[in-house]
Amino acid sequence: MGLSPTCSRGRAPAFLTLPIECVDIAARIVKQYPTMGVRTKKNKAAVTRLLEIPDLLSVVEGWDGFVRSQLPPSANWYPVIEQSFGMQTLTSRPSGRFRNRDFGRRIQRLFVKAGIGPLTPHKFRHGHALYGLNRSRDMGDYKAVSMNLMHSDIGITDSVYAVLSDQAMQERIAHLGQVDATGTTSEVASIVEEVLKQMCK
């Protein structure tokens, strides 16, 4: 589905109206500019960053190359697809009135088929937030994640996403100040699996 919302932090309406010219995969940035047609919450403008998750970025890069080879820069990065006689064609047509609702239904069907339960598009944003917050080493990291979510106040991020289970709290307290040989507490090999677990909670 292109720009995985696990890599990005956008809401579904913004994702569905994002022009190709607002996406710079090499620089890892997404320009969420209402003046360029992106439908953000409260019409807020920001430049946000993709997470460095190699397995997901490789998929995103593949889609980016494909969509750029088919459509002009002003077209949607996740474009409207027309179907005719079994053929699917990417179009420059703007998003329709019910695209957000239809997108949500398709996402739910996709995940049911994959056997991981029905998930709404917003769960991707939730997964992105938890991934970043769980890897924050200090308040600077925490603030950066909050800003990347386009929250106006770090308190919003804290109230919505930073609720820990008793077990998670105990583990964090027990490991405060400890790091592994790489200087971090994350295990790169299990990144994708962990993101999916967080999204399914």
C-alpha atoms as a PDB file:
ATOM      1  CA  MET A   1       0.000   0.000   0.000  1.00  0.00           C
ATOM      2  CA  GLY A   2       2.924   2.295  -0.479  1.00  0.00           C
ATOM      3  CA  LEU A   3       3.965   4.656   2.325  1.00  0.00           C
ATOM      4  CA  SER A   4       3.516   2.400   5.304  1.00  0.00           C
ATOM      5  CA  PRO A   5       1.983   4.371   8.118  1.00  0.00           C
ATOM      6  CA  THR A   6       4.327   2.504  10.403  1.00  0.00           C
ATOM      7  CA  CYS A   7       7.149   4.417   8.777  1.00  0.00           C
ATOM      8  CA  SER A   8       5.143   7.556   8.568  1.00  0.00           C
ATOM      9  CA  ARG A   9       2.999   9.241  11.176  1.00  0.00           C
ATOM     10  CA  GLY A  10       0.139  10.613   9.112  1.00  0.00           C
ATOM     11  CA  ARG A  11      -3.580  10.159   9.550  1.00  0.00           C
ATOM     12  CA  ALA A  12      -5.537   8.418   6.781  1.00  0.00           C
ATOM     13  CA  PRO A  13      -7.024  11.592   5.190  1.00  0.00           C
ATOM     14  CA  ALA A  14      -3.524  13.080   4.907  1.00  0.00           C
ATOM     15  CA  PHE A  15      -2.106   9.838   3.515  1.00  0.00           C
ATOM     16  CA  LEU A  16      -4.848   9.597   0.889  1.00  0.00           C
ATOM     17  CA  THR A  17      -4.356  13.182  -0.343  1.00  0.00           C
ATOM     18  CA  LEU A  18      -0.557  13.357  -0.234  1.00  0.00           C
ATOM     19  CA  PRO A  19       0.935  14.411  -3.600  1.00  0.00           C
ATOM     20  CA  ILE A  20       3.993  12.591  -4.931  1.00  0.00           C
ATOM     21  CA  GLU A  21       5.916  15.881  -4.840  1.00  0.00           C
ATOM     22  CA  CYS A  22       5.483  16.032  -1.041  1.00  0.00           C
ATOM     23  CA  VAL A  23       7.348  12.757  -0.504  1.00  0.00           C
ATOM     24  CA  ASP A  24      11.162  12.571  -0.454  1.00  0.00           C
ATOM     25  CA  ILE A  25      12.149   9.024   0.463  1.00  0.00           C
ATOM     26  CA  ALA A  26      15.896   9.646   0.120  1.00  0.00           C
ATOM     27  CA  ALA A  27      15.722  12.486   2.655  1.00  0.00           C
ATOM     28  CA  ARG A  28      13.173  10.492   4.727  1.00  0.00           C
ATOM     29  CA  ILE A  29      10.753  13.429   4.806  1.00  0.00           C
ATOM     30  CA  VAL A  30       7.065  13.952   4.069  1.00  0.00           C
ATOM     31  CA  LYS A  31       5.734  17.474   3.588  1.00  0.00           C
ATOM     32  CA  GLN A  32       2.242  17.555   5.037  1.00  0.00           C
ATOM     33  CA  TYR A  33       1.189  20.874   3.533  1.00  0.00           C
ATOM     34  CA  PRO A  34      -2.518  21.754   3.226  1.00  0.00           C
ATOM     35  CA  THR A  35      -1.521  24.352   0.610  1.00  0.00           C
ATOM     36  CA  MET A  36      -0.481  21.417  -1.584  1.00  0.00           C
ATOM     37  CA  GLY A  37      -3.737  19.551  -1.037  1.00  0.00           C
ATOM     38  CA  VAL A  38      -2.845  17.416   1.998  1.00  0.00           C
ATOM     39  CA  ARG A  39      -5.833  17.093   4.353  1.00  0.00           C
ATOM     40  CA  THR A  40      -4.300  17.322   7.806  1.00  0.00           C
ATOM     41  CA  LYS A  41      -6.061  17.606  11.148  1.00  0.00           C
ATOM     42  CA  LYS A  42      -6.937  21.248  11.886  1.00  0.00           C
ATOM     43  CA  ASN A  43      -5.234  22.222   8.603  1.00  0.00           C
ATOM     44  CA  LYS A  44      -1.847  22.004  10.317  1.00  0.00           C
ATOM     45  CA  ALA A  45       1.309  22.083   8.173  1.00  0.00           C
ATOM     46  CA  ALA A  46       4.520  20.247   9.045  1.00  0.00           C
ATOM     47  CA  VAL A  47       7.488  18.376   7.627  1.00  0.00           C
ATOM     48  CA  THR A  48       7.605  14.945   9.235  1.00  0.00           C
ATOM     49  CA  ARG A  49      10.134  12.132   9.024  1.00  0.00           C
ATOM     50  CA  LEU A  50      10.014   8.453   8.164  1.00  0.00           C
ATOM     51  CA  LEU A  51      11.288   5.941  10.697  1.00  0.00           C
ATOM     52  CA  GLU A  52      14.485   4.086   9.865  1.00  0.00           C
ATOM     53  CA  ILE A  53      13.038   0.571   9.594  1.00  0.00           C
ATOM     54  CA  PRO A  54      14.913  -1.079   6.687  1.00  0.00           C
ATOM     55  CA  ASP A  55      12.380  -3.849   5.915  1.00  0.00           C
ATOM     56  CA  LEU A  56       9.530  -1.361   5.670  1.00  0.00           C
ATOM     57  CA  LEU A  57      11.542   1.311   3.874  1.00  0.00           C
ATOM     58  CA  SER A  58      12.492  -1.125   1.125  1.00  0.00           C
ATOM     59  CA  VAL A  59       8.780  -1.644   0.372  1.00  0.00           C
ATOM     60  CA  VAL A  60       8.151   2.109   0.509  1.00  0.00           C
ATOM     61  CA  GLU A  61      11.074   2.799  -1.827  1.00  0.00           C
ATOM     62  CA  GLY A  62       9.794   0.209  -4.297  1.00  0.00           C
ATOM     63  CA  TRP A  63       6.323   1.743  -4.356  1.00  0.00           C
ATOM     64  CA  ASP A  64       7.757   5.260  -4.620  1.00  0.00           C
ATOM     65  CA  GLY A  65       9.767   4.347  -7.705  1.00  0.00           C
ATOM     66  CA  PHE A  66       6.779   2.639  -9.285  1.00  0.00           C
ATOM     67  CA  VAL A  67       4.249   5.416  -8.707  1.00  0.00           C
ATOM     68  CA  ARG A  68       6.691   8.097  -9.900  1.00  0.00           C
ATOM     69  CA  SER A  69       7.210   6.177 -13.144  1.00  0.00           C
ATOM     70  CA  GLN A  70       3.438   6.145 -13.779  1.00  0.00           C
ATOM     71  CA  LEU A  71       2.134   9.546 -12.655  1.00  0.00           C
ATOM     72  CA  PRO A  72       3.038  13.270 -12.546  1.00  0.00           C
ATOM     73  CA  PRO A  73       4.352  14.858  -9.312  1.00  0.00           C
ATOM     74  CA  SER A  74       0.974  16.465  -8.574  1.00  0.00           C
ATOM     75  CA  ALA A  75      -0.834  13.098  -8.461  1.00  0.00           C
ATOM     76  CA  ASN A  76      -1.570  11.328  -5.177  1.00  0.00           C
ATOM     77  CA  TRP A  77       1.291   9.205  -3.849  1.00  0.00           C
ATOM     78  CA  TYR A  78      -1.353   6.583  -3.037  1.00  0.00           C
ATOM     79  CA  PRO A  79      -3.404   7.198  -6.184  1.00  0.00           C
ATOM     80  CA  VAL A  80      -6.933   6.359  -7.163  1.00  0.00           C
ATOM     81  CA  ILE A  81      -6.933   3.063  -9.075  1.00  0.00           C
ATOM     82  CA  GLU A  82      -9.431   2.529 -11.876  1.00  0.00           C
ATOM     83  CA  GLN A  83     -10.538  -0.971 -12.847  1.00  0.00           C
ATOM     84  CA  SER A  84     -11.827  -1.899 -16.265  1.00  0.00           C
ATOM     85  CA  PHE A  85     -12.196  -5.405 -17.730  1.00  0.00           C
ATOM     86  CA  GLY A  86      -9.889  -6.848 -15.096  1.00  0.00           C
ATOM     87  CA  MET A  87      -7.183  -4.247 -15.686  1.00  0.00           C
ATOM     88  CA  GLN A  88      -6.050  -1.823 -12.976  1.00  0.00           C
ATOM     89  CA  THR A  89      -4.688   1.601 -13.858  1.00  0.00           C
ATOM     90  CA  LEU A  90      -3.200   4.290 -11.625  1.00  0.00           C
ATOM     91  CA  THR A  91      -4.829   7.665 -12.208  1.00  0.00           C
ATOM     92  CA  SER A  92      -4.247  11.316 -11.359  1.00  0.00           C
ATOM     93  CA  ARG A  93      -7.884  11.658 -10.340  1.00  0.00           C
ATOM     94  CA  PRO A  94      -8.337  13.383  -6.942  1.00  0.00           C
ATOM     95  CA  SER A  95      -9.614  11.429  -3.954  1.00  0.00           C
ATOM     96  CA  GLY A  96     -13.382  10.987  -3.879  1.00  0.00           C
ATOM     97  CA  ARG A  97     -15.753  11.848  -1.079  1.00  0.00           C
ATOM     98  CA  PHE A  98     -15.857   8.344   0.419  1.00  0.00           C
ATOM     99  CA  ARG A  99     -12.245   7.295  -0.147  1.00  0.00           C
ATOM    100  CA  ASN A 100     -11.299   7.505   3.523  1.00  0.00           C
ATOM    101  CA  ARG A 101     -14.144   5.161   4.498  1.00  0.00           C
ATOM    102  CA  ASP A 102     -13.398   2.748   1.646  1.00  0.00           C
ATOM    103  CA  PHE A 103      -9.707   2.733   2.523  1.00  0.00           C
ATOM    104  CA  GLY A 104     -10.538   1.767   6.108  1.00  0.00           C
ATOM    105  CA  ARG A 105     -12.683  -1.139   4.919  1.00  0.00           C
ATOM    106  CA  ARG A 106      -9.985  -2.394   2.574  1.00  0.00           C
ATOM    107  CA  ILE A 107      -7.349  -2.253   5.310  1.00  0.00           C
ATOM    108  CA  GLN A 108      -9.595  -4.261   7.625  1.00  0.00           C
ATOM    109  CA  ARG A 109     -10.205  -6.913   4.943  1.00  0.00           C
ATOM    110  CA  LEU A 110      -6.496  -7.116   4.177  1.00  0.00           C
ATOM    111  CA  PHE A 111      -5.546  -7.808   7.775  1.00  0.00           C
ATOM    112  CA  VAL A 112      -8.340 -10.315   8.305  1.00  0.00           C
ATOM    113  CA  LYS A 113      -6.981 -12.220   5.275  1.00  0.00           C
ATOM    114  CA  ALA A 114      -3.500 -12.072   6.797  1.00  0.00           C
ATOM    115  CA  GLY A 115      -4.898 -13.568  10.014  1.00  0.00           C
ATOM    116  CA  ILE A 116      -3.950 -10.711  12.340  1.00  0.00           C
ATOM    117  CA  GLY A 117      -7.391  -9.340  13.069  1.00  0.00           C
ATOM    118  CA  PRO A 118      -9.268  -6.291  11.840  1.00  0.00           C
ATOM    119  CA  LEU A 119      -7.226  -3.111  12.166  1.00  0.00           C
ATOM    120  CA  THR A 120      -8.215   0.441  11.317  1.00  0.00           C
ATOM    121  CA  PRO A 121      -5.819   2.744   9.428  1.00  0.00           C
ATOM    122  CA  HIS A 122      -5.340   4.721  12.654  1.00  0.00           C
ATOM    123  CA  LYS A 123      -3.726   1.651  14.220  1.00  0.00           C
ATOM    124  CA  PHE A 124      -0.763   2.240  11.908  1.00  0.00           C
ATOM    125  CA  ARG A 125      -0.320   5.689  13.422  1.00  0.00           C
ATOM    126  CA  HIS A 126      -0.634   4.130  16.865  1.00  0.00           C
ATOM    127  CA  GLY A 127       2.045   1.567  15.965  1.00  0.00           C
ATOM    128  CA  HIS A 128       4.334   4.310  14.663  1.00  0.00           C
ATOM    129  CA  ALA A 129       3.927   6.281  17.891  1.00  0.00           C
ATOM    130  CA  LEU A 130       4.564   3.302  20.167  1.00  0.00           C
ATOM    131  CA  TYR A 131       7.573   2.223  18.141  1.00  0.00           C
ATOM    132  CA  GLY A 132       9.163   5.641  18.549  1.00  0.00           C
ATOM    133  CA  LEU A 133       8.204   6.165  22.175  1.00  0.00           C
ATOM    134  CA  ASN A 134       9.406   2.705  23.230  1.00  0.00           C
ATOM    135  CA  ARG A 135      12.830   3.528  21.769  1.00  0.00           C
ATOM    136  CA  SER A 136      13.118   7.015  23.233  1.00  0.00           C
ATOM    137  CA  ARG A 137      16.213   7.218  25.429  1.00  0.00           C
ATOM    138  CA  ASP A 138      15.559  10.641  26.898  1.00  0.00           C
ATOM    139  CA  MET A 139      13.113  13.553  26.836  1.00  0.00           C
ATOM    140  CA  GLY A 140      14.731  14.902  23.673  1.00  0.00           C
ATOM    141  CA  ASP A 141      13.812  11.697  21.806  1.00  0.00           C
ATOM    142  CA  TYR A 142      10.356  11.755  23.351  1.00  0.00           C
ATOM    143  CA  LYS A 143       9.797  15.344  22.213  1.00  0.00           C
ATOM    144  CA  ALA A 144      11.032  14.491  18.712  1.00  0.00           C
ATOM    145  CA  VAL A 145       8.485  11.662  18.446  1.00  0.00           C
ATOM    146  CA  SER A 146       5.751  13.990  19.683  1.00  0.00           C
ATOM    147  CA  MET A 147       6.641  16.618  17.079  1.00  0.00           C
ATOM    148  CA  ASN A 148       6.781  13.971  14.351  1.00  0.00           C
ATOM    149  CA  LEU A 149       3.210  13.019  15.282  1.00  0.00           C
ATOM    150  CA  MET A 150       2.335  16.702  14.729  1.00  0.00           C
ATOM    151  CA  HIS A 151       1.143  17.060  18.317  1.00  0.00           C
ATOM    152  CA  SER A 152       1.062  20.650  19.534  1.00  0.00           C
ATOM    153  CA  ASP A 153       1.935  19.584  23.075  1.00  0.00           C
ATOM    154  CA  ILE A 154       3.996  16.695  24.461  1.00  0.00           C
ATOM    155  CA  GLY A 155       1.182  16.176  26.981  1.00  0.00           C
ATOM    156  CA  ILE A 156      -1.096  15.035  24.137  1.00  0.00           C
ATOM    157  CA  THR A 157       1.421  12.366  23.143  1.00  0.00           C
ATOM    158  CA  ASP A 158       1.785  11.258  26.745  1.00  0.00           C
ATOM    159  CA  SER A 159      -1.953  11.043  27.429  1.00  0.00           C
ATOM    160  CA  VAL A 160      -2.755   9.104  24.246  1.00  0.00           C
ATOM    161  CA  TYR A 161       0.218   6.783  23.736  1.00  0.00           C
ATOM    162  CA  ALA A 162       2.445   6.541  26.790  1.00  0.00           C
ATOM    163  CA  VAL A 163       0.333   4.158  28.866  1.00  0.00           C
ATOM    164  CA  LEU A 164       2.493   1.233  30.002  1.00  0.00           C
ATOM    165  CA  SER A 165       1.329  -2.103  31.310  1.00  0.00           C
ATOM    166  CA  ASP A 166       2.532  -3.127  34.783  1.00  0.00           C
ATOM    167  CA  GLN A 167       4.950  -5.606  33.211  1.00  0.00           C
ATOM    168  CA  ALA A 168       6.346  -3.023  30.775  1.00  0.00           C
ATOM    169  CA  MET A 169       6.797  -0.550  33.629  1.00  0.00           C
ATOM    170  CA  GLN A 170       8.652  -3.138  35.741  1.00  0.00           C
ATOM    171  CA  GLU A 171      10.945  -4.039  32.838  1.00  0.00           C
ATOM    172  CA  ARG A 172      11.785  -0.407  32.140  1.00  0.00           C
ATOM    173  CA  ILE A 173      12.515   0.352  35.785  1.00  0.00           C
ATOM    174  CA  ALA A 174      14.705  -2.760  36.047  1.00  0.00           C
ATOM    175  CA  HIS A 175      16.727  -1.780  32.980  1.00  0.00           C
ATOM    176  CA  LEU A 176      17.155   1.953  33.562  1.00  0.00           C
ATOM    177  CA  GLY A 177      20.694   2.950  32.720  1.00  0.00           C
ATOM    178  CA  GLN A 178      21.525  -0.371  31.043  1.00  0.00           C
ATOM    179  CA  VAL A 179      22.357  -0.659  27.353  1.00  0.00           C
ATOM    180  CA  ASP A 180      23.495  -3.492  25.122  1.00  0.00           C
ATOM    181  CA  ALA A 181      26.773  -3.649  23.171  1.00  0.00           C
ATOM    182  CA  THR A 182      25.434  -1.371  20.433  1.00  0.00           C
ATOM    183  CA  GLY A 183      24.463   1.307  22.934  1.00  0.00           C
ATOM    184  CA  THR A 184      20.715   0.797  22.533  1.00  0.00           C
ATOM    185  CA  THR A 185      18.055  -1.388  24.107  1.00  0.00           C
ATOM    186  CA  SER A 186      16.416  -2.441  20.829  1.00  0.00           C
ATOM    187  CA  GLU A 187      16.875  -5.641  18.853  1.00  0.00           C
ATOM    188  CA  VAL A 188      16.855  -4.850  15.146  1.00  0.00           C
ATOM    189  CA  ALA A 189      16.005  -8.411  14.103  1.00  0.00           C
ATOM    190  CA  SER A 190      12.558  -8.283  15.747  1.00  0.00           C
ATOM    191  CA  ILE A 191      11.479  -4.768  14.687  1.00  0.00           C
ATOM    192  CA  VAL A 192       8.641  -5.689  12.318  1.00  0.00           C
ATOM    193  CA  GLU A 193       7.230  -8.363  14.625  1.00  0.00           C
ATOM    194  CA  GLU A 194       7.214  -5.962  17.563  1.00  0.00           C
ATOM    195  CA  VAL A 195       5.479  -3.215  15.575  1.00  0.00           C
ATOM    196  CA  LEU A 196       2.695  -5.602  14.586  1.00  0.00           C
ATOM    197  CA  LYS A 197       2.254  -6.737  18.190  1.00  0.00           C
ATOM    198  CA  GLN A 198       1.941  -3.124  19.343  1.00  0.00           C
ATOM    199  CA  MET A 199      -0.591  -2.357  16.613  1.00  0.00           C
ATOM    200  CA  CYS A 200      -2.766  -5.322  17.547  1.00  0.00           C
ATOM    201  CA  LYS A 201      -3.090  -4.294  21.211  1.00  0.00           C
END
